[in-house]
C-alpha atoms as a PDB file:
ATOM      1  CA  UNK A   1     105.166  22.953 158.722  1.00  0.00           C
ATOM      2  CA  UNK A   2     106.580  25.098 156.251  1.00  0.00           C
ATOM      3  CA  UNK A   3     105.139  29.098 155.127  1.00  0.00           C
ATOM      4  CA  UNK A   4     103.897  29.488 151.967  1.00  0.00           C
ATOM      5  CA  UNK A   5     102.387  33.032 150.761  1.00  0.00           C
ATOM      6  CA  UNK A   6     101.845  31.327 146.944  1.00  0.00           C
ATOM      7  CA  UNK A   7     101.249  32.720 143.984  1.00  0.00           C
ATOM      8  CA  UNK A   8      97.803  31.158 143.074  1.00  0.00           C
ATOM      9  CA  UNK A   9      96.674  31.355 145.881  1.00  0.00           C
ATOM     10  CA  UNK A  10      98.267  35.391 147.059  1.00  0.00           C
ATOM     11  CA  UNK A  11      94.904  36.772 145.263  1.00  0.00           C
ATOM     12  CA  UNK A  12      96.478  40.658 145.100  1.00  0.00           C
ATOM     13  CA  UNK A  13      99.587  39.284 143.952  1.00  0.00           C
ATOM     14  CA  UNK A  14      98.019  37.218 140.980  1.00  0.00           C
ATOM     15  CA  UNK A  15      95.543  40.379 140.438  1.00  0.00           C
ATOM     16  CA  UNK A  16      98.108  42.639 139.543  1.00  0.00           C
ATOM     17  CA  UNK A  17      99.746  40.376 137.120  1.00  0.00           C
ATOM     18  CA  UNK A  18      96.746  39.432 135.468  1.00  0.00           C
ATOM     19  CA  UNK A  19      96.048  42.989 134.438  1.00  0.00           C
ATOM     20  CA  UNK A  20     100.134  44.142 133.176  1.00  0.00           C
ATOM     21  CA  UNK A  21      99.354  39.831 131.220  1.00  0.00           C
ATOM     22  CA  UNK A  22      96.210  41.855 129.663  1.00  0.00           C
ATOM     23  CA  UNK A  23      98.007  45.160 129.016  1.00  0.00           C
ATOM     24  CA  UNK A  24     101.235  43.225 126.918  1.00  0.00           C
ATOM     25  CA  UNK A  25     103.835  44.486 128.401  1.00  0.00           C
ATOM     26  CA  UNK A  26     106.004  41.548 129.001  1.00  0.00           C
ATOM     27  CA  UNK A  27     108.616  43.622 130.642  1.00  0.00           C
ATOM     28  CA  UNK A  28     107.317  45.774 132.253  1.00  0.00           C
ATOM     29  CA  UNK A  29     104.963  42.577 133.173  1.00  0.00           C
ATOM     30  CA  UNK A  30     107.897  40.759 134.573  1.00  0.00           C
ATOM     31  CA  UNK A  31     109.833  43.000 136.402  1.00  0.00           C
ATOM     32  CA  UNK A  32     105.617  44.783 138.139  1.00  0.00           C
ATOM     33  CA  UNK A  33     105.597  41.094 139.187  1.00  0.00           C
ATOM     34  CA  UNK A  34     108.603  40.083 141.038  1.00  0.00           C
ATOM     35  CA  UNK A  35     108.354  43.690 142.431  1.00  0.00           C
ATOM     36  CA  UNK A  36     104.963  42.894 144.351  1.00  0.00           C
ATOM     37  CA  UNK A  37     106.666  39.121 145.151  1.00  0.00           C
ATOM     38  CA  UNK A  38     109.577  40.738 146.794  1.00  0.00           C
ATOM     39  CA  UNK A  39     107.297  42.155 148.241  1.00  0.00           C
ATOM     40  CA  UNK A  40     105.430  40.169 149.567  1.00  0.00           C
ATOM     41  CA  UNK A  41     108.143  37.961 150.965  1.00  0.00           C
ATOM     42  CA  UNK A  42     109.755  40.466 152.843  1.00  0.00           C
ATOM     43  CA  UNK A  43     106.747  40.923 154.677  1.00  0.00           C
ATOM     44  CA  UNK A  44     105.912  37.410 155.513  1.00  0.00           C
ATOM     45  CA  UNK A  45     110.074  37.408 156.458  1.00  0.00           C
ATOM     46  CA  UNK A  46     109.059  39.770 158.932  1.00  0.00           C
ATOM     47  CA  UNK A  47     105.599  37.723 160.747  1.00  0.00           C
ATOM     48  CA  UNK A  48     107.083  37.043 164.179  1.00  0.00           C
ATOM     49  CA  UNK A  49     105.154  33.155 163.819  1.00  0.00           C
ATOM     50  CA  UNK A  50     107.141  32.874 160.743  1.00  0.00           C
ATOM     51  CA  UNK A  51     111.073  32.842 162.465  1.00  0.00           C
ATOM     52  CA  UNK A  52     113.028  30.082 161.057  1.00  0.00           C
ATOM     53  CA  UNK A  53     110.415  28.978 159.130  1.00  0.00           C
ATOM     54  CA  UNK A  54     111.053  28.822 155.519  1.00  0.00           C
ATOM     55  CA  UNK A  55     109.657  30.927 152.736  1.00  0.00           C
ATOM     56  CA  UNK A  56     108.126  29.817 149.885  1.00  0.00           C
ATOM     57  CA  UNK A  57     106.437  30.134 146.656  1.00  0.00           C
ATOM     58  CA  UNK A  58     103.031  28.319 145.365  1.00  0.00           C
ATOM     59  CA  UNK A  59     102.182  27.159 141.938  1.00  0.00           C
ATOM     60  CA  UNK A  60     101.848  29.652 139.229  1.00  0.00           C
ATOM     61  CA  UNK A  61     104.990  31.642 140.493  1.00  0.00           C
ATOM     62  CA  UNK A  62     107.827  30.315 138.085  1.00  0.00           C
ATOM     63  CA  UNK A  63     105.581  31.557 134.826  1.00  0.00           C
ATOM     64  CA  UNK A  64     106.133  35.226 136.422  1.00  0.00           C
ATOM     65  CA  UNK A  65     109.362  35.887 137.443  1.00  0.00           C
ATOM     66  CA  UNK A  66     111.440  33.270 135.547  1.00  0.00           C
ATOM     67  CA  UNK A  67     113.601  30.184 136.381  1.00  0.00           C
ATOM     68  CA  UNK A  68     116.955  32.430 137.317  1.00  0.00           C
ATOM     69  CA  UNK A  69     114.429  34.640 139.292  1.00  0.00           C
ATOM     70  CA  UNK A  70     112.342  31.320 140.882  1.00  0.00           C
ATOM     71  CA  UNK A  71     115.808  29.864 142.110  1.00  0.00           C
ATOM     72  CA  UNK A  72     117.296  33.187 143.407  1.00  0.00           C
ATOM     73  CA  UNK A  73     114.523  33.423 145.394  1.00  0.00           C
ATOM     74  CA  UNK A  74     114.684  29.932 146.909  1.00  0.00           C
ATOM     75  CA  UNK A  75     118.475  29.994 147.584  1.00  0.00           C
ATOM     76  CA  UNK A  76     118.324  33.613 149.306  1.00  0.00           C
ATOM     77  CA  UNK A  77     114.925  31.747 150.866  1.00  0.00           C
ATOM     78  CA  UNK A  78     116.224  28.802 152.260  1.00  0.00           C
ATOM     79  CA  UNK A  79     120.449  30.008 153.284  1.00  0.00           C
ATOM     80  CA  UNK A  80     118.929  32.490 155.361  1.00  0.00           C
ATOM     81  CA  UNK A  81     116.253  30.343 157.144  1.00  0.00           C
ATOM     82  CA  UNK A  82     118.591  26.590 157.503  1.00  0.00           C
ATOM     83  CA  UNK A  83     122.256  27.521 157.762  1.00  0.00           C
ATOM     84  CA  UNK A  84     121.884  26.762 161.258  1.00  0.00           C
ATOM     85  CA  UNK A  85     120.682  23.329 160.034  1.00  0.00           C
ATOM     86  CA  UNK A  86     123.939  22.646 158.343  1.00  0.00           C
ATOM     87  CA  UNK A  87     122.126  23.148 154.906  1.00  0.00           C
ATOM     88  CA  UNK A  88     123.344  26.121 152.140  1.00  0.00           C
ATOM     89  CA  UNK A  89     122.993  26.143 147.755  1.00  0.00           C
ATOM     90  CA  UNK A  90     125.490  26.484 145.904  1.00  0.00           C
ATOM     91  CA  UNK A  91     124.670  28.175 142.112  1.00  0.00           C
ATOM     92  CA  UNK A  92     124.870  27.206 139.088  1.00  0.00           C
ATOM     93  CA  UNK A  93     124.738  28.906 136.672  1.00  0.00           C
ATOM     94  CA  UNK A  94     124.642  29.288 133.045  1.00  0.00           C
ATOM     95  CA  UNK A  95     126.579  30.958 130.534  1.00  0.00           C
ATOM     96  CA  UNK A  96     124.337  33.790 130.888  1.00  0.00           C
ATOM     97  CA  UNK A  97     124.986  34.277 134.323  1.00  0.00           C
ATOM     98  CA  UNK A  98     121.293  33.355 135.559  1.00  0.00           C
ATOM     99  CA  UNK A  99     120.852  30.700 137.629  1.00  0.00           C
ATOM    100  CA  UNK A 100     120.142  27.958 135.840  1.00  0.00           C
ATOM    101  CA  UNK A 101     120.317  25.057 139.614  1.00  0.00           C
ATOM    102  CA  UNK A 102     120.963  24.739 142.965  1.00  0.00           C
ATOM    103  CA  UNK A 103     123.874  22.565 143.768  1.00  0.00           C
ATOM    104  CA  UNK A 104     122.338  21.838 147.332  1.00  0.00           C
ATOM    105  CA  UNK A 105     125.714  21.155 149.919  1.00  0.00           C
ATOM    106  CA  UNK A 106     124.993  20.042 153.722  1.00  0.00           C
ATOM    107  CA  UNK A 107     127.034  19.909 156.483  1.00  0.00           C
ATOM    108  CA  UNK A 108     127.663  16.049 157.153  1.00  0.00           C
ATOM    109  CA  UNK A 109     126.838  15.699 153.125  1.00  0.00           C
ATOM    110  CA  UNK A 110     124.722  12.739 152.240  1.00  0.00           C
ATOM    111  CA  UNK A 111     127.422   9.788 152.873  1.00  0.00           C
ATOM    112  CA  UNK A 112     127.677   5.773 153.170  1.00  0.00           C
ATOM    113  CA  UNK A 113     129.775   3.816 154.713  1.00  0.00           C
ATOM    114  CA  UNK A 114     132.828   1.403 152.574  1.00  0.00           C
ATOM    115  CA  UNK A 115     130.302  -0.398 149.784  1.00  0.00           C
ATOM    116  CA  UNK A 116     126.962   0.719 150.883  1.00  0.00           C
ATOM    117  CA  UNK A 117     124.443   1.419 150.239  1.00  0.00           C
ATOM    118  CA  UNK A 118     121.648   1.699 153.419  1.00  0.00           C
ATOM    119  CA  UNK A 119     121.282   5.612 154.320  1.00  0.00           C
ATOM    120  CA  UNK A 120     121.150   6.290 158.049  1.00  0.00           C
ATOM    121  CA  UNK A 121     121.865   8.922 160.960  1.00  0.00           C
ATOM    122  CA  UNK A 122     122.802  12.526 159.760  1.00  0.00           C
ATOM    123  CA  UNK A 123     123.053  11.446 155.402  1.00  0.00           C
ATOM    124  CA  UNK A 124     118.690  10.242 156.668  1.00  0.00           C
ATOM    125  CA  UNK A 125     118.374  13.476 158.685  1.00  0.00           C
ATOM    126  CA  UNK A 126     119.859  15.957 155.784  1.00  0.00           C
ATOM    127  CA  UNK A 127     117.219  14.375 153.354  1.00  0.00           C
ATOM    128  CA  UNK A 128     114.156  14.649 155.599  1.00  0.00           C
ATOM    129  CA  UNK A 129     115.607  19.180 156.419  1.00  0.00           C
ATOM    130  CA  UNK A 130     116.211  19.079 152.220  1.00  0.00           C
ATOM    131  CA  UNK A 131     112.286  17.721 151.459  1.00  0.00           C
ATOM    132  CA  UNK A 132     110.722  19.734 154.260  1.00  0.00           C
ATOM    133  CA  UNK A 133     112.277  22.988 152.524  1.00  0.00           C
ATOM    134  CA  UNK A 134     111.550  21.542 148.921  1.00  0.00           C
ATOM    135  CA  UNK A 135     107.753  21.508 149.638  1.00  0.00           C
ATOM    136  CA  UNK A 136     107.420  25.644 150.178  1.00  0.00           C
ATOM    137  CA  UNK A 137     109.042  25.289 146.334  1.00  0.00           C
ATOM    138  CA  UNK A 138     106.310  23.158 144.532  1.00  0.00           C
ATOM    139  CA  UNK A 139     108.182  24.658 141.170  1.00  0.00           C
ATOM    140  CA  UNK A 140     110.920  22.575 141.288  1.00  0.00           C
ATOM    141  CA  UNK A 141     112.267  18.977 140.399  1.00  0.00           C
ATOM    142  CA  UNK A 142     116.123  17.225 141.708  1.00  0.00           C
ATOM    143  CA  UNK A 143     118.175  15.880 139.774  1.00  0.00           C
ATOM    144  CA  UNK A 144     120.136  12.396 142.590  1.00  0.00           C
ATOM    145  CA  UNK A 145     123.662  11.641 141.521  1.00  0.00           C
ATOM    146  CA  UNK A 146     125.171   8.757 143.208  1.00  0.00           C
ATOM    147  CA  UNK A 147     128.913   8.463 144.028  1.00  0.00           C
ATOM    148  CA  UNK A 148     131.700   6.172 145.740  1.00  0.00           C
ATOM    149  CA  UNK A 149     135.733   6.375 145.764  1.00  0.00           C
ATOM    150  CA  UNK A 150     137.767   3.870 143.642  1.00  0.00           C
ATOM    151  CA  UNK A 151     138.676   1.064 145.839  1.00  0.00           C
ATOM    152  CA  UNK A 152     137.465  -1.709 143.951  1.00  0.00           C
ATOM    153  CA  UNK A 153     136.072  -2.639 139.853  1.00  0.00           C
ATOM    154  CA  UNK A 154     134.078  -0.030 138.013  1.00  0.00           C
ATOM    155  CA  UNK A 155     130.983  -2.046 137.289  1.00  0.00           C
ATOM    156  CA  UNK A 156     131.281  -2.740 140.546  1.00  0.00           C
ATOM    157  CA  UNK A 157     130.828   1.262 141.836  1.00  0.00           C
ATOM    158  CA  UNK A 158     129.051   2.092 139.229  1.00  0.00           C
ATOM    159  CA  UNK A 159     126.145  -0.300 140.836  1.00  0.00           C
ATOM    160  CA  UNK A 160     126.709   0.641 144.198  1.00  0.00           C
ATOM    161  CA  UNK A 161     126.707   4.423 143.474  1.00  0.00           C
ATOM    162  CA  UNK A 162     123.732   3.475 140.929  1.00  0.00           C
ATOM    163  CA  UNK A 163     121.644   2.289 144.647  1.00  0.00           C
ATOM    164  CA  UNK A 164     123.211   5.189 146.635  1.00  0.00           C
ATOM    165  CA  UNK A 165     121.395   6.860 144.751  1.00  0.00           C
ATOM    166  CA  UNK A 166     117.822   4.723 144.399  1.00  0.00           C
ATOM    167  CA  UNK A 167     118.069   5.041 148.513  1.00  0.00           C
ATOM    168  CA  UNK A 168     118.666   8.413 148.768  1.00  0.00           C
ATOM    169  CA  UNK A 169     115.284   9.005 145.808  1.00  0.00           C
ATOM    170  CA  UNK A 170     114.026   6.197 147.997  1.00  0.00           C
ATOM    171  CA  UNK A 171     114.160   8.158 151.167  1.00  0.00           C
ATOM    172  CA  UNK A 172     112.702  11.544 150.088  1.00  0.00           C
ATOM    173  CA  UNK A 173     109.816   9.988 148.730  1.00  0.00           C
ATOM    174  CA  UNK A 174     109.219   8.610 152.087  1.00  0.00           C
ATOM    175  CA  UNK A 175     110.047  12.381 153.059  1.00  0.00           C
ATOM    176  CA  UNK A 176     107.122  13.477 151.574  1.00  0.00           C
ATOM    177  CA  UNK A 177     108.990  14.439 147.321  1.00  0.00           C
ATOM    178  CA  UNK A 178     106.183  12.977 144.748  1.00  0.00           C
ATOM    179  CA  UNK A 179     107.915  10.866 143.126  1.00  0.00           C
ATOM    180  CA  UNK A 180     106.787  13.043 139.913  1.00  0.00           C
ATOM    181  CA  UNK A 181     109.180  15.927 141.119  1.00  0.00           C
ATOM    182  CA  UNK A 182     112.395  13.758 140.895  1.00  0.00           C
ATOM    183  CA  UNK A 183     113.800  13.818 137.700  1.00  0.00           C
ATOM    184  CA  UNK A 184     115.979  11.372 137.155  1.00  0.00           C
ATOM    185  CA  UNK A 185     118.506   9.107 140.146  1.00  0.00           C
ATOM    186  CA  UNK A 186     121.588   7.987 138.411  1.00  0.00           C
ATOM    187  CA  UNK A 187     125.658   6.860 139.796  1.00  0.00           C
ATOM    188  CA  UNK A 188     128.623   7.631 138.047  1.00  0.00           C
ATOM    189  CA  UNK A 189     130.822   4.799 139.666  1.00  0.00           C
ATOM    190  CA  UNK A 190     134.454   6.663 141.211  1.00  0.00           C
ATOM    191  CA  UNK A 191     135.248   8.083 137.030  1.00  0.00           C
ATOM    192  CA  UNK A 192     132.810  11.427 137.720  1.00  0.00           C
ATOM    193  CA  UNK A 193     133.375  12.332 141.475  1.00  0.00           C
ATOM    194  CA  UNK A 194     131.186  14.458 143.030  1.00  0.00           C
ATOM    195  CA  UNK A 195     132.647  18.637 142.514  1.00  0.00           C
ATOM    196  CA  UNK A 196     135.937  19.074 144.299  1.00  0.00           C
ATOM    197  CA  UNK A 197     137.324  15.457 146.010  1.00  0.00           C
ATOM    198  CA  UNK A 198     138.862  13.150 144.131  1.00  0.00           C
ATOM    199  CA  UNK A 199     137.924   9.386 143.095  1.00  0.00           C
ATOM    200  CA  UNK A 200     139.756   7.573 145.584  1.00  0.00           C
ATOM    201  CA  UNK A 201     138.593  10.551 148.266  1.00  0.00           C
ATOM    202  CA  UNK A 202     136.300   8.670 151.180  1.00  0.00           C
ATOM    203  CA  UNK A 203     134.286  11.414 151.380  1.00  0.00           C
ATOM    204  CA  UNK A 204     133.021  10.389 147.791  1.00  0.00           C
ATOM    205  CA  UNK A 205     130.626   7.897 148.962  1.00  0.00           C
ATOM    206  CA  UNK A 206     127.579  10.459 148.711  1.00  0.00           C
ATOM    207  CA  UNK A 207     125.153  11.079 146.886  1.00  0.00           C
ATOM    208  CA  UNK A 208     124.212  14.775 145.421  1.00  0.00           C
ATOM    209  CA  UNK A 209     121.467  16.874 144.730  1.00  0.00           C
ATOM    210  CA  UNK A 210     121.164  19.491 142.409  1.00  0.00           C
ATOM    211  CA  UNK A 211     117.497  21.262 142.341  1.00  0.00           C
ATOM    212  CA  UNK A 212     116.059  22.689 139.142  1.00  0.00           C
ATOM    213  CA  UNK A 213     113.117  24.959 137.911  1.00  0.00           C
ATOM    214  CA  UNK A 214     110.808  22.446 136.568  1.00  0.00           C
ATOM    215  CA  UNK A 215     109.415  24.699 133.994  1.00  0.00           C
END
């Protein structure tokens, strides 16, 4: 099971944050709260029983930490803990350089056979692993996007990519992620291929997942 230090359950951290809030020093509040979280995360990572587990952030963290810090923390912990599982994250930054989303990169991807939308093998395993990781970061939502390679009529590709996205959505909900955390489920056909791929590329028969802060 994933390990979560939990901002709401972390009474010492919460007390520091509450006291800081009462002083109404917003800049120092965020910096102080972020430092407390960093210290707590470092302590959690050092515990022998947490080796190989995901260190999470519980409910209430997002408001105090801010979107960028929250997602950066998730990025650091998931990349560190899950790289051996073949799962890594790619930061998506805004104009100000702050992390706004995380694109999930998986060995083997979440891919499908030509003309099909049923999920099995490596793709199913990857979604199960992702669901476990997401459980430790409750203040996130996900976008699920389906793609198809260009082999036939685009209206067929569009329906197929939508079906693939819906298949992945169902699978991740079956793995324990609440329906309200799925922000969008959308098929893009072959006209908008996955990043780094061409429409005719067979690797474009896939689903991609993007992680967003829930705020």
